[in-house]
C-alpha atoms as a PDB file:
ATOM      1  CA  MET A   1     123.240 122.218  83.591  1.00  0.00           C
ATOM      2  CA  SER A   2     120.442 119.387  83.586  1.00  0.00           C
ATOM      3  CA  GLU A   3     120.027 116.365  85.110  1.00  0.00           C
ATOM      4  CA  PRO A   4     121.112 113.204  83.547  1.00  0.00           C
ATOM      5  CA  LEU A   5     118.354 110.954  82.254  1.00  0.00           C
ATOM      6  CA  ARG A   6     117.346 108.365  84.454  1.00  0.00           C
ATOM      7  CA  CYS A   7     115.875 104.981  83.321  1.00  0.00           C
ATOM      8  CA  ARG A   8     113.737 102.799  85.716  1.00  0.00           C
ATOM      9  CA  ILE A   9     112.036  99.638  85.268  1.00  0.00           C
ATOM     10  CA  PRO A  10     107.871 100.081  85.259  1.00  0.00           C
ATOM     11  CA  ALA A  11     106.309  98.742  88.300  1.00  0.00           C
ATOM     12  CA  ILE A  12     103.836  95.935  87.346  1.00  0.00           C
ATOM     13  CA  ALA A  13     100.090  97.181  87.291  1.00  0.00           C
ATOM     14  CA  THR A  14      97.611  94.618  87.222  1.00  0.00           C
ATOM     15  CA  VAL A  15      93.940  95.559  86.716  1.00  0.00           C
ATOM     16  CA  GLN A  16      92.129  93.085  89.063  1.00  0.00           C
ATOM     17  CA  ALA A  17      88.474  94.743  88.785  1.00  0.00           C
ATOM     18  CA  ASP A  18      87.202  98.298  86.934  1.00  0.00           C
ATOM     19  CA  ASP A  19      83.441  99.023  86.872  1.00  0.00           C
ATOM     20  CA  ASP A  20      81.571 102.122  87.055  1.00  0.00           C
ATOM     21  CA  THR A  21      82.041 102.477  90.651  1.00  0.00           C
ATOM     22  CA  ALA A  22      85.765 101.305  91.279  1.00  0.00           C
ATOM     23  CA  ARG A  23      88.919 100.274  89.713  1.00  0.00           C
ATOM     24  CA  VAL A  24      91.001  98.045  91.662  1.00  0.00           C
ATOM     25  CA  THR A  25      94.829  97.768  90.486  1.00  0.00           C
ATOM     26  CA  ARG A  26      97.615  95.687  92.241  1.00  0.00           C
ATOM     27  CA  TRP A  27     100.973  96.987  92.017  1.00  0.00           C
ATOM     28  CA  ASP A  28     104.211  95.205  92.373  1.00  0.00           C
ATOM     29  CA  PHE A  29     107.449  96.726  92.522  1.00  0.00           C
ATOM     30  CA  PRO A  30     110.674  95.085  92.209  1.00  0.00           C
ATOM     31  CA  PRO A  31     113.651  96.930  93.380  1.00  0.00           C
ATOM     32  CA  GLY A  32     114.272 100.332  91.437  1.00  0.00           C
ATOM     33  CA  ALA A  33     110.873 100.024  89.963  1.00  0.00           C
ATOM     34  CA  GLU A  34     108.754 103.140  89.432  1.00  0.00           C
ATOM     35  CA  THR A  35     104.743 104.214  88.550  1.00  0.00           C
ATOM     36  CA  GLY A  36     106.098 106.982  86.238  1.00  0.00           C
ATOM     37  CA  TRP A  37     104.675 110.768  86.931  1.00  0.00           C
ATOM     38  CA  HIS A  38     100.920 110.256  87.485  1.00  0.00           C
ATOM     39  CA  ARG A  39      98.068 112.703  88.500  1.00  0.00           C
ATOM     40  CA  HIS A  40      94.698 110.776  90.412  1.00  0.00           C
ATOM     41  CA  GLY A  41      91.571 111.831  89.440  1.00  0.00           C
ATOM     42  CA  TRP A  42      89.614 110.143  91.476  1.00  0.00           C
ATOM     43  CA  GLY A  43      90.251 109.707  95.665  1.00  0.00           C
ATOM     44  CA  TYR A  44      91.892 106.166  96.144  1.00  0.00           C
ATOM     45  CA  LEU A  45      92.590 103.623  99.133  1.00  0.00           C
ATOM     46  CA  VAL A  46      95.897 101.562  99.068  1.00  0.00           C
ATOM     47  CA  VAL A  47      95.978  98.378 100.983  1.00  0.00           C
ATOM     48  CA  PRO A  48      99.516  97.330 101.425  1.00  0.00           C
ATOM     49  CA  VAL A  49     100.197  93.471 100.749  1.00  0.00           C
ATOM     50  CA  THR A  50     103.581  93.543 102.017  1.00  0.00           C
ATOM     51  CA  ASP A  51     105.916  95.800 103.963  1.00  0.00           C
ATOM     52  CA  GLY A  52     108.050  98.407 102.097  1.00  0.00           C
ATOM     53  CA  THR A  53     109.611 101.722 101.766  1.00  0.00           C
ATOM     54  CA  MET A  54     108.676 103.896  98.760  1.00  0.00           C
ATOM     55  CA  LEU A  55     110.460 106.961  97.760  1.00  0.00           C
ATOM     56  CA  LEU A  56     107.844 109.659  96.388  1.00  0.00           C
ATOM     57  CA  GLU A  57     108.804 112.270  93.906  1.00  0.00           C
ATOM     58  CA  GLU A  58     106.822 115.214  94.071  1.00  0.00           C
ATOM     59  CA  PRO A  59     106.312 118.411  92.211  1.00  0.00           C
ATOM     60  CA  GLY A  60     108.779 120.976  92.420  1.00  0.00           C
ATOM     61  CA  GLY A  61     111.457 118.176  92.963  1.00  0.00           C
ATOM     62  CA  ALA A  62     110.469 117.294  96.552  1.00  0.00           C
ATOM     63  CA  ILE A  63     111.305 113.667  97.426  1.00  0.00           C
ATOM     64  CA  ARG A  64     109.875 111.846 100.338  1.00  0.00           C
ATOM     65  CA  GLU A  65     110.084 108.465 101.967  1.00  0.00           C
ATOM     66  CA  ALA A  66     107.103 106.680 103.121  1.00  0.00           C
ATOM     67  CA  SER A  67     106.802 103.213 104.847  1.00  0.00           C
ATOM     68  CA  ILE A  68     104.233 101.093 104.219  1.00  0.00           C
ATOM     69  CA  LYS A  69     102.789  98.141 106.392  1.00  0.00           C
ATOM     70  CA  ALA A  70     101.218  94.964 105.136  1.00  0.00           C
ATOM     71  CA  GLY A  71      97.529  95.113 105.667  1.00  0.00           C
ATOM     72  CA  VAL A  72      97.456  98.906 107.097  1.00  0.00           C
ATOM     73  CA  SER A  73      95.735 101.018 104.745  1.00  0.00           C
ATOM     74  CA  TYR A  74      95.394 104.745 103.718  1.00  0.00           C
ATOM     75  CA  THR A  75      93.500 106.763 101.769  1.00  0.00           C
ATOM     76  CA  ARG A  76      94.544 110.079  99.584  1.00  0.00           C
ATOM     77  CA  PRO A  77      92.129 112.420  98.113  1.00  0.00           C
ATOM     78  CA  PRO A  78      91.752 113.082  94.273  1.00  0.00           C
ATOM     79  CA  GLY A  79      94.486 115.222  92.392  1.00  0.00           C
ATOM     80  CA  VAL A  80      97.223 113.792  94.321  1.00  0.00           C
ATOM     81  CA  GLU A  81     100.640 113.720  91.661  1.00  0.00           C
ATOM     82  CA  HIS A  82     103.739 111.887  92.068  1.00  0.00           C
ATOM     83  CA  ASN A  83     106.032 109.182  90.954  1.00  0.00           C
ATOM     84  CA  VAL A  84     106.590 106.023  93.353  1.00  0.00           C
ATOM     85  CA  VAL A  85     109.853 104.224  93.410  1.00  0.00           C
ATOM     86  CA  ASN A  86     111.004 101.257  95.190  1.00  0.00           C
ATOM     87  CA  ASN A  87     114.518 102.335  95.866  1.00  0.00           C
ATOM     88  CA  GLY A  88     115.542  99.730  98.315  1.00  0.00           C
ATOM     89  CA  THR A  89     116.483  96.281  97.617  1.00  0.00           C
ATOM     90  CA  GLU A  90     113.717  93.973  98.529  1.00  0.00           C
ATOM     91  CA  PRO A  91     110.341  93.851  96.641  1.00  0.00           C
ATOM     92  CA  PHE A  92     106.918  95.404  97.889  1.00  0.00           C
ATOM     93  CA  SER A  93     103.305  95.340  96.630  1.00  0.00           C
ATOM     94  CA  PHE A  94      99.911  97.347  97.572  1.00  0.00           C
ATOM     95  CA  VAL A  95      96.375  97.279  95.695  1.00  0.00           C
ATOM     96  CA  GLU A  96      95.133 100.474  94.901  1.00  0.00           C
ATOM     97  CA  ILE A  97      91.085 100.894  94.838  1.00  0.00           C
ATOM     98  CA  GLU A  98      90.174 104.034  92.926  1.00  0.00           C
ATOM     99  CA  PHE A  99      86.908 105.308  93.637  1.00  0.00           C
ATOM    100  CA  LYS A 100      85.189 106.813  90.545  1.00  0.00           C
ATOM    101  CA  ALA A 101      81.926 108.063  92.102  1.00  0.00           C
ATOM    102  CA  HIS A 102      84.154 110.740  93.740  1.00  0.00           C
ATOM    103  CA  PRO A 103      85.554 112.846  90.779  1.00  0.00           C
ATOM    104  CA  GLY A 104      88.347 115.309  91.386  1.00  0.00           C
END
């Protein structure tokens, strides 16, 4: 038996800057929104704008939660594959800075 289809609203991606060095995107997640499955081709930095709890869907069916705090940044290496979901009842936002000078 296969899993039922899921329909989630897309998170809102607003590109704020994009040049030869970096791409800066603000992501806004209303409750229930997702990025959709994607793989990062460059290393990146995430700067949370608001507090929130992300549900991360990972390859192989793994699911985990990760809390973000406004102003507390973190980095990730190139090649990360996932789907980010707001599984909560409150919206959250972060700014993602992808470093084009460091391809994966």
